[in-house]
Amino acid sequence: MYSPTTPESNKSSHFRLFRRTAKLADMIIAGNLYLAEYARKSNSNVEVVPTGLDINAYKLQTDAKKDGKIRLVWIGSSSTLNYLAEIKPALEEIGARFDNVVLRIIADDFFDLRNMKVEKRLWAEESRAAELATSNIGLAPLPDNHFTRGKCGFKILEYAAAGLAVVASAVGINAEYVCDGVTGFHAINALQWIDKISELVENPVLRRTMGREGQTNVKNFDIDVIGKRFLDLIVRAL
């Protein structure tokens, strides 16, 4: 419904195309309630099914490197790398405070930091799970706008499956998938990003505890669970 480049515009051609498609559909399956509410304006048969993933793929017998480094990790693509870039000032401050913290970017594009080493890992299906499993803290920054509120939080599910504590912007589904103080922390400004990341860097027990809680919660998003729900809806629609 919204353009990622002009998310606050209500004049986008996306609206016309979205409404037309929604009216033609026998059933609409939305990834979250925010999307479902928009869809219901044009179609009464809307179901919410969150994104699923194979949680077993992330349960690797691979410990984080025993090199004394603590790895912050972000996974995504060049189209959303600017979301991570928006917290550069916080990352630079973390790098200035801690000489053992590294930023790992798993994507198809990268950037550098002055105060922190950046590990650049090209996204690949066969390696992404291991790259996450050998990291320590997942990052999920998002600006708050009409477009980002529709995102379905897949990277947070990946972090949880890999057993990582997460620091995330409390935007859209992020606020629901990251249970503040239990599976990670919410951060709404640069100071909070610095404080929450610092707390996790300094407290390995808290990182592990939050990571285990995340792994427990993400079981509800396993493809065996989500897939059955999805299949039942397709059969019903047919």
C-alpha atoms as a PDB file:
ATOM      1  CA  MET A   1       0.000   0.000   0.000  1.00  0.00           C
ATOM      2  CA  TYR A   2       2.933   2.295   0.668  1.00  0.00           C
ATOM      3  CA  SER A   3       6.101   3.020  -1.224  1.00  0.00           C
ATOM      4  CA  PRO A   4       9.350   2.254   0.659  1.00  0.00           C
ATOM      5  CA  THR A   5      10.898   5.423  -0.779  1.00  0.00           C
ATOM      6  CA  THR A   6       7.971   7.719   0.139  1.00  0.00           C
ATOM      7  CA  PRO A   7       6.295   5.869   3.018  1.00  0.00           C
ATOM      8  CA  GLU A   8       4.295   8.827   4.303  1.00  0.00           C
ATOM      9  CA  SER A   9       2.639   9.569   0.954  1.00  0.00           C
ATOM     10  CA  ASN A  10      -1.050   8.747   0.610  1.00  0.00           C
ATOM     11  CA  LYS A  11      -0.996   9.473  -3.117  1.00  0.00           C
ATOM     12  CA  SER A  12       1.041   6.463  -4.133  1.00  0.00           C
ATOM     13  CA  SER A  13      -0.119   4.291  -7.035  1.00  0.00           C
ATOM     14  CA  HIS A  14       0.531   1.395  -4.642  1.00  0.00           C
ATOM     15  CA  PHE A  15      -2.849   2.095  -3.024  1.00  0.00           C
ATOM     16  CA  ARG A  16      -4.774   1.653  -6.261  1.00  0.00           C
ATOM     17  CA  LEU A  17      -2.958  -1.567  -7.146  1.00  0.00           C
ATOM     18  CA  PHE A  18      -3.307  -2.948  -3.634  1.00  0.00           C
ATOM     19  CA  ARG A  19      -7.053  -2.286  -3.438  1.00  0.00           C
ATOM     20  CA  ARG A  20      -7.645  -3.804  -6.868  1.00  0.00           C
ATOM     21  CA  THR A  21      -5.732  -6.967  -5.989  1.00  0.00           C
ATOM     22  CA  ALA A  22      -7.391  -7.252  -2.586  1.00  0.00           C
ATOM     23  CA  LYS A  23     -10.885  -7.036  -4.080  1.00  0.00           C
ATOM     24  CA  LEU A  24     -10.108  -9.782  -6.606  1.00  0.00           C
ATOM     25  CA  ALA A  25      -8.766 -12.278  -4.050  1.00  0.00           C
ATOM     26  CA  ASP A  26     -10.837 -15.163  -2.658  1.00  0.00           C
ATOM     27  CA  MET A  27      -8.793 -14.987   0.520  1.00  0.00           C
ATOM     28  CA  ILE A  28      -5.996 -12.752   1.763  1.00  0.00           C
ATOM     29  CA  ILE A  29      -3.308 -14.103   4.079  1.00  0.00           C
ATOM     30  CA  ALA A  30      -1.489 -11.294   5.881  1.00  0.00           C
ATOM     31  CA  GLY A  31       1.760 -11.596   7.792  1.00  0.00           C
ATOM     32  CA  ASN A  32       0.589  -9.401  10.670  1.00  0.00           C
ATOM     33  CA  LEU A  33      -2.429  -7.567  12.036  1.00  0.00           C
ATOM     34  CA  TYR A  34      -1.330  -4.202  10.619  1.00  0.00           C
ATOM     35  CA  LEU A  35      -1.446  -5.589   7.074  1.00  0.00           C
ATOM     36  CA  ALA A  36      -4.673  -7.465   7.770  1.00  0.00           C
ATOM     37  CA  GLU A  37      -6.447  -4.299   8.884  1.00  0.00           C
ATOM     38  CA  TYR A  38      -5.604  -2.607   5.585  1.00  0.00           C
ATOM     39  CA  ALA A  39      -6.683  -5.649   3.601  1.00  0.00           C
ATOM     40  CA  ARG A  40     -10.049  -5.855   5.372  1.00  0.00           C
ATOM     41  CA  LYS A  41     -10.994  -2.470   3.937  1.00  0.00           C
ATOM     42  CA  SER A  42     -11.192  -4.188   0.551  1.00  0.00           C
ATOM     43  CA  ASN A  43     -11.884  -7.835   1.394  1.00  0.00           C
ATOM     44  CA  SER A  44     -13.776  -9.452   4.271  1.00  0.00           C
ATOM     45  CA  ASN A  45     -11.963 -12.793   4.046  1.00  0.00           C
ATOM     46  CA  VAL A  46      -8.589 -12.013   5.633  1.00  0.00           C
ATOM     47  CA  GLU A  47      -6.501 -14.310   7.837  1.00  0.00           C
ATOM     48  CA  VAL A  48      -3.301 -13.554   9.732  1.00  0.00           C
ATOM     49  CA  VAL A  49      -0.470 -16.079   9.399  1.00  0.00           C
ATOM     50  CA  PRO A  50       2.982 -14.928  10.571  1.00  0.00           C
ATOM     51  CA  THR A  51       6.141 -15.719   8.663  1.00  0.00           C
ATOM     52  CA  GLY A  52       7.528 -19.143   9.518  1.00  0.00           C
ATOM     53  CA  LEU A  53      11.019 -20.604   9.488  1.00  0.00           C
ATOM     54  CA  ASP A  54      12.771 -23.923  10.012  1.00  0.00           C
ATOM     55  CA  ILE A  55      14.018 -23.414  13.553  1.00  0.00           C
ATOM     56  CA  ASN A  56      16.083 -26.608  13.454  1.00  0.00           C
ATOM     57  CA  ALA A  57      18.266 -25.115  10.732  1.00  0.00           C
ATOM     58  CA  TYR A  58      19.614 -22.627  13.281  1.00  0.00           C
ATOM     59  CA  LYS A  59      20.374 -25.143  16.017  1.00  0.00           C
ATOM     60  CA  LEU A  60      23.969 -25.748  15.080  1.00  0.00           C
ATOM     61  CA  GLN A  61      26.583 -27.396  17.246  1.00  0.00           C
ATOM     62  CA  THR A  62      28.775 -24.363  16.715  1.00  0.00           C
ATOM     63  CA  ASP A  63      29.818 -22.090  19.547  1.00  0.00           C
ATOM     64  CA  ALA A  64      30.774 -18.474  19.083  1.00  0.00           C
ATOM     65  CA  LYS A  65      34.466 -18.032  18.362  1.00  0.00           C
ATOM     66  CA  LYS A  66      36.644 -18.259  21.441  1.00  0.00           C
ATOM     67  CA  ASP A  67      38.587 -15.143  20.500  1.00  0.00           C
ATOM     68  CA  GLY A  68      37.282 -12.822  23.206  1.00  0.00           C
ATOM     69  CA  LYS A  69      35.163 -10.909  20.702  1.00  0.00           C
ATOM     70  CA  ILE A  70      31.478 -10.096  21.147  1.00  0.00           C
ATOM     71  CA  ARG A  71      29.698  -9.989  17.819  1.00  0.00           C
ATOM     72  CA  LEU A  72      26.764  -7.751  17.115  1.00  0.00           C
ATOM     73  CA  VAL A  73      24.990  -9.031  14.022  1.00  0.00           C
ATOM     74  CA  TRP A  74      22.569  -7.641  11.454  1.00  0.00           C
ATOM     75  CA  ILE A  75      21.138  -9.672   8.590  1.00  0.00           C
ATOM     76  CA  GLY A  76      19.334  -8.116   5.639  1.00  0.00           C
ATOM     77  CA  SER A  77      19.887  -6.718   2.171  1.00  0.00           C
ATOM     78  CA  SER A  78      21.140  -3.591   0.438  1.00  0.00           C
ATOM     79  CA  SER A  79      17.559  -2.282   0.273  1.00  0.00           C
ATOM     80  CA  THR A  80      17.325  -2.113   4.069  1.00  0.00           C
ATOM     81  CA  LEU A  81      20.968  -1.521   5.043  1.00  0.00           C
ATOM     82  CA  ASN A  82      20.114   2.147   5.607  1.00  0.00           C
ATOM     83  CA  TYR A  83      18.037   1.061   8.624  1.00  0.00           C
ATOM     84  CA  LEU A  84      21.213  -0.226  10.239  1.00  0.00           C
ATOM     85  CA  ALA A  85      23.151   2.833   9.087  1.00  0.00           C
ATOM     86  CA  GLU A  86      20.759   5.043  11.057  1.00  0.00           C
ATOM     87  CA  ILE A  87      22.237   3.736  14.323  1.00  0.00           C
ATOM     88  CA  LYS A  88      25.846   4.294  13.225  1.00  0.00           C
ATOM     89  CA  PRO A  89      26.407   6.938  15.933  1.00  0.00           C
ATOM     90  CA  ALA A  90      25.382   4.441  18.609  1.00  0.00           C
ATOM     91  CA  LEU A  91      27.608   1.750  17.107  1.00  0.00           C
ATOM     92  CA  GLU A  92      30.553   4.172  16.984  1.00  0.00           C
ATOM     93  CA  GLU A  93      30.053   4.929  20.681  1.00  0.00           C
ATOM     94  CA  ILE A  94      29.922   1.212  21.492  1.00  0.00           C
ATOM     95  CA  GLY A  95      33.153   0.747  19.556  1.00  0.00           C
ATOM     96  CA  ALA A  96      34.777   3.550  21.516  1.00  0.00           C
ATOM     97  CA  ARG A  97      33.694   1.994  24.819  1.00  0.00           C
ATOM     98  CA  PHE A  98      34.568  -1.629  24.086  1.00  0.00           C
ATOM     99  CA  ASP A  99      37.588  -2.772  22.092  1.00  0.00           C
ATOM    100  CA  ASN A 100      36.311  -6.360  21.925  1.00  0.00           C
ATOM    101  CA  VAL A 101      33.017  -5.671  20.113  1.00  0.00           C
ATOM    102  CA  VAL A 102      32.668  -6.471  16.405  1.00  0.00           C
ATOM    103  CA  LEU A 103      29.797  -5.751  14.009  1.00  0.00           C
ATOM    104  CA  ARG A 104      28.945  -8.608  11.645  1.00  0.00           C
ATOM    105  CA  ILE A 105      26.827  -7.664   8.623  1.00  0.00           C
ATOM    106  CA  ILE A 106      25.244 -10.521   6.648  1.00  0.00           C
ATOM    107  CA  ALA A 107      23.985  -8.957   3.435  1.00  0.00           C
ATOM    108  CA  ASP A 108      24.801  -8.082  -0.173  1.00  0.00           C
ATOM    109  CA  ASP A 109      26.173  -4.639   0.701  1.00  0.00           C
ATOM    110  CA  PHE A 110      28.167  -3.252   3.604  1.00  0.00           C
ATOM    111  CA  PHE A 111      29.586  -0.172   5.295  1.00  0.00           C
ATOM    112  CA  ASP A 112      32.553   0.534   7.573  1.00  0.00           C
ATOM    113  CA  LEU A 113      32.825   2.079  11.028  1.00  0.00           C
ATOM    114  CA  ARG A 114      35.654   4.164  12.450  1.00  0.00           C
ATOM    115  CA  ASN A 115      35.624   2.715  15.967  1.00  0.00           C
ATOM    116  CA  MET A 116      34.549  -0.854  15.370  1.00  0.00           C
ATOM    117  CA  LYS A 117      35.703  -3.672  13.127  1.00  0.00           C
ATOM    118  CA  VAL A 118      33.050  -4.769  10.624  1.00  0.00           C
ATOM    119  CA  GLU A 119      32.925  -8.401   9.515  1.00  0.00           C
ATOM    120  CA  LYS A 120      31.385  -8.473   6.040  1.00  0.00           C
ATOM    121  CA  ARG A 121      29.603 -11.722   5.281  1.00  0.00           C
ATOM    122  CA  LEU A 122      27.896 -12.172   1.935  1.00  0.00           C
ATOM    123  CA  TRP A 123      24.390 -13.570   2.508  1.00  0.00           C
ATOM    124  CA  ALA A 124      24.089 -17.195   1.393  1.00  0.00           C
ATOM    125  CA  GLU A 125      21.456 -19.804   2.165  1.00  0.00           C
ATOM    126  CA  GLU A 126      24.047 -22.394   3.158  1.00  0.00           C
ATOM    127  CA  SER A 127      25.997 -20.158   5.568  1.00  0.00           C
ATOM    128  CA  ARG A 128      23.575 -17.645   7.101  1.00  0.00           C
ATOM    129  CA  ALA A 129      22.503 -19.898   9.990  1.00  0.00           C
ATOM    130  CA  ALA A 130      26.090 -20.556  11.050  1.00  0.00           C
ATOM    131  CA  GLU A 131      26.950 -16.850  10.781  1.00  0.00           C
ATOM    132  CA  LEU A 132      24.078 -16.056  13.140  1.00  0.00           C
ATOM    133  CA  ALA A 133      24.776 -18.941  15.518  1.00  0.00           C
ATOM    134  CA  THR A 134      28.371 -17.741  15.994  1.00  0.00           C
ATOM    135  CA  SER A 135      27.255 -14.207  16.851  1.00  0.00           C
ATOM    136  CA  ASN A 136      26.124 -12.870  20.228  1.00  0.00           C
ATOM    137  CA  ILE A 137      23.623 -10.007  19.919  1.00  0.00           C
ATOM    138  CA  GLY A 138      21.087  -9.459  17.132  1.00  0.00           C
ATOM    139  CA  LEU A 139      20.251  -5.925  15.967  1.00  0.00           C
ATOM    140  CA  ALA A 140      16.900  -4.946  14.445  1.00  0.00           C
ATOM    141  CA  PRO A 141      16.676  -1.165  13.981  1.00  0.00           C
ATOM    142  CA  LEU A 142      13.713   0.287  12.081  1.00  0.00           C
ATOM    143  CA  PRO A 143      12.454   3.810  11.448  1.00  0.00           C
ATOM    144  CA  ASP A 144       8.806   4.304  12.330  1.00  0.00           C
ATOM    145  CA  ASN A 145       6.695   4.914   9.218  1.00  0.00           C
ATOM    146  CA  HIS A 146       3.736   3.455   7.308  1.00  0.00           C
ATOM    147  CA  PHE A 147       5.951   1.103   5.314  1.00  0.00           C
ATOM    148  CA  THR A 148       8.083  -0.303   8.139  1.00  0.00           C
ATOM    149  CA  ARG A 149       5.048  -0.951  10.356  1.00  0.00           C
ATOM    150  CA  GLY A 150       4.020  -3.552   7.791  1.00  0.00           C
ATOM    151  CA  LYS A 151       7.236  -5.548   8.060  1.00  0.00           C
ATOM    152  CA  CYS A 152       6.922  -9.062   9.459  1.00  0.00           C
ATOM    153  CA  GLY A 153      10.010  -9.309  11.664  1.00  0.00           C
ATOM    154  CA  PHE A 154      11.742 -12.241  10.000  1.00  0.00           C
ATOM    155  CA  LYS A 155      15.246 -11.241  11.125  1.00  0.00           C
ATOM    156  CA  ILE A 156      14.079 -11.227  14.753  1.00  0.00           C
ATOM    157  CA  LEU A 157      12.751 -14.760  14.323  1.00  0.00           C
ATOM    158  CA  GLU A 158      16.117 -15.779  12.857  1.00  0.00           C
ATOM    159  CA  TYR A 159      17.981 -14.220  15.788  1.00  0.00           C
ATOM    160  CA  ALA A 160      15.705 -16.005  18.251  1.00  0.00           C
ATOM    161  CA  ALA A 161      16.137 -19.356  16.496  1.00  0.00           C
ATOM    162  CA  ALA A 162      19.904 -18.862  16.686  1.00  0.00           C
ATOM    163  CA  GLY A 163      19.674 -18.199  20.431  1.00  0.00           C
ATOM    164  CA  LEU A 164      20.613 -14.525  20.337  1.00  0.00           C
ATOM    165  CA  ALA A 165      19.496 -11.750  22.628  1.00  0.00           C
ATOM    166  CA  VAL A 166      18.045  -8.953  20.471  1.00  0.00           C
ATOM    167  CA  VAL A 167      17.990  -5.171  20.596  1.00  0.00           C
ATOM    168  CA  ALA A 168      15.227  -3.816  18.371  1.00  0.00           C
ATOM    169  CA  SER A 169      13.297  -0.675  17.572  1.00  0.00           C
ATOM    170  CA  ALA A 170       9.818  -0.908  19.084  1.00  0.00           C
ATOM    171  CA  VAL A 171       8.190  -0.496  15.672  1.00  0.00           C
ATOM    172  CA  GLY A 172       5.369  -2.658  14.367  1.00  0.00           C
ATOM    173  CA  ILE A 173       5.797  -6.369  14.945  1.00  0.00           C
ATOM    174  CA  ASN A 174       9.276  -5.779  16.445  1.00  0.00           C
ATOM    175  CA  ALA A 175       7.642  -4.615  19.656  1.00  0.00           C
ATOM    176  CA  GLU A 176       5.737  -7.898  19.887  1.00  0.00           C
ATOM    177  CA  TYR A 177       8.459 -10.318  18.798  1.00  0.00           C
ATOM    178  CA  VAL A 178      11.061  -8.875  21.174  1.00  0.00           C
ATOM    179  CA  CYS A 179       9.736  -9.158  24.716  1.00  0.00           C
ATOM    180  CA  ASP A 180      11.437  -6.208  26.417  1.00  0.00           C
ATOM    181  CA  GLY A 181      13.626  -7.382  29.271  1.00  0.00           C
ATOM    182  CA  VAL A 182      12.936 -11.064  28.540  1.00  0.00           C
ATOM    183  CA  THR A 183      14.199 -11.986  25.052  1.00  0.00           C
ATOM    184  CA  GLY A 184      15.992  -8.694  24.464  1.00  0.00           C
ATOM    185  CA  PHE A 185      15.475  -4.951  24.690  1.00  0.00           C
ATOM    186  CA  HIS A 186      13.545  -2.238  22.900  1.00  0.00           C
ATOM    187  CA  ALA A 187      15.446   0.903  21.901  1.00  0.00           C
ATOM    188  CA  ILE A 188      13.777   4.092  20.729  1.00  0.00           C
ATOM    189  CA  ASN A 189      16.700   6.504  20.497  1.00  0.00           C
ATOM    190  CA  ALA A 190      20.494   6.558  20.204  1.00  0.00           C
ATOM    191  CA  LEU A 191      21.030   6.696  23.964  1.00  0.00           C
ATOM    192  CA  GLN A 192      18.905   3.584  24.488  1.00  0.00           C
ATOM    193  CA  TRP A 193      20.699   1.734  21.704  1.00  0.00           C
ATOM    194  CA  ILE A 194      23.984   2.484  23.435  1.00  0.00           C
ATOM    195  CA  ASP A 195      22.722   1.577  26.915  1.00  0.00           C
ATOM    196  CA  LYS A 196      20.979  -1.668  25.913  1.00  0.00           C
ATOM    197  CA  ILE A 197      23.804  -2.959  23.741  1.00  0.00           C
ATOM    198  CA  SER A 198      26.307  -2.056  26.476  1.00  0.00           C
ATOM    199  CA  GLU A 199      24.293  -3.963  29.059  1.00  0.00           C
ATOM    200  CA  LEU A 200      24.324  -7.087  26.920  1.00  0.00           C
ATOM    201  CA  VAL A 201      28.018  -6.720  26.083  1.00  0.00           C
ATOM    202  CA  GLU A 202      28.857  -6.547  29.776  1.00  0.00           C
ATOM    203  CA  ASN A 203      26.552  -9.362  30.899  1.00  0.00           C
ATOM    204  CA  PRO A 204      27.128 -12.727  29.168  1.00  0.00           C
ATOM    205  CA  VAL A 205      24.708 -14.499  31.529  1.00  0.00           C
ATOM    206  CA  LEU A 206      21.919 -12.114  30.533  1.00  0.00           C
ATOM    207  CA  ARG A 207      22.713 -12.674  26.849  1.00  0.00           C
ATOM    208  CA  ARG A 208      22.441 -16.429  27.217  1.00  0.00           C
ATOM    209  CA  THR A 209      19.270 -16.241  29.332  1.00  0.00           C
ATOM    210  CA  MET A 210      17.534 -13.963  26.830  1.00  0.00           C
ATOM    211  CA  GLY A 211      18.726 -16.138  23.970  1.00  0.00           C
ATOM    212  CA  ARG A 212      17.196 -19.246  25.537  1.00  0.00           C
ATOM    213  CA  GLU A 213      13.904 -17.430  26.127  1.00  0.00           C
ATOM    214  CA  GLY A 214      13.891 -16.393  22.481  1.00  0.00           C
ATOM    215  CA  GLN A 215      14.454 -19.979  21.343  1.00  0.00           C
ATOM    216  CA  THR A 216      11.492 -21.087  23.455  1.00  0.00           C
ATOM    217  CA  ASN A 217       9.193 -18.419  21.992  1.00  0.00           C
ATOM    218  CA  VAL A 218      10.201 -18.959  18.382  1.00  0.00           C
ATOM    219  CA  LYS A 219       8.970 -22.566  18.454  1.00  0.00           C
ATOM    220  CA  ASN A 220       5.516 -21.175  17.669  1.00  0.00           C
ATOM    221  CA  PHE A 221       6.860 -19.944  14.316  1.00  0.00           C
ATOM    222  CA  ASP A 222       8.361 -23.222  13.151  1.00  0.00           C
ATOM    223  CA  ILE A 223       7.365 -24.173   9.602  1.00  0.00           C
ATOM    224  CA  ASP A 224       5.683 -27.333  10.888  1.00  0.00           C
ATOM    225  CA  VAL A 225       3.307 -25.136  12.903  1.00  0.00           C
ATOM    226  CA  ILE A 226       2.901 -22.261  10.441  1.00  0.00           C
ATOM    227  CA  GLY A 227       2.833 -24.573   7.431  1.00  0.00           C
ATOM    228  CA  LYS A 228      -0.121 -26.556   8.739  1.00  0.00           C
ATOM    229  CA  ARG A 229      -2.078 -23.371   9.408  1.00  0.00           C
ATOM    230  CA  PHE A 230      -1.228 -22.057   5.938  1.00  0.00           C
ATOM    231  CA  LEU A 231      -2.211 -25.324   4.264  1.00  0.00           C
ATOM    232  CA  ASP A 232      -5.524 -25.474   6.121  1.00  0.00           C
ATOM    233  CA  LEU A 233      -6.408 -21.966   4.908  1.00  0.00           C
ATOM    234  CA  ILE A 234      -5.514 -22.766   1.307  1.00  0.00           C
ATOM    235  CA  VAL A 235      -7.651 -25.919   1.403  1.00  0.00           C
ATOM    236  CA  ARG A 236     -10.515 -23.962   2.908  1.00  0.00           C
ATOM    237  CA  ALA A 237     -10.266 -21.292   0.228  1.00  0.00           C
ATOM    238  CA  LEU A 238     -10.229 -23.903  -2.550  1.00  0.00           C
END
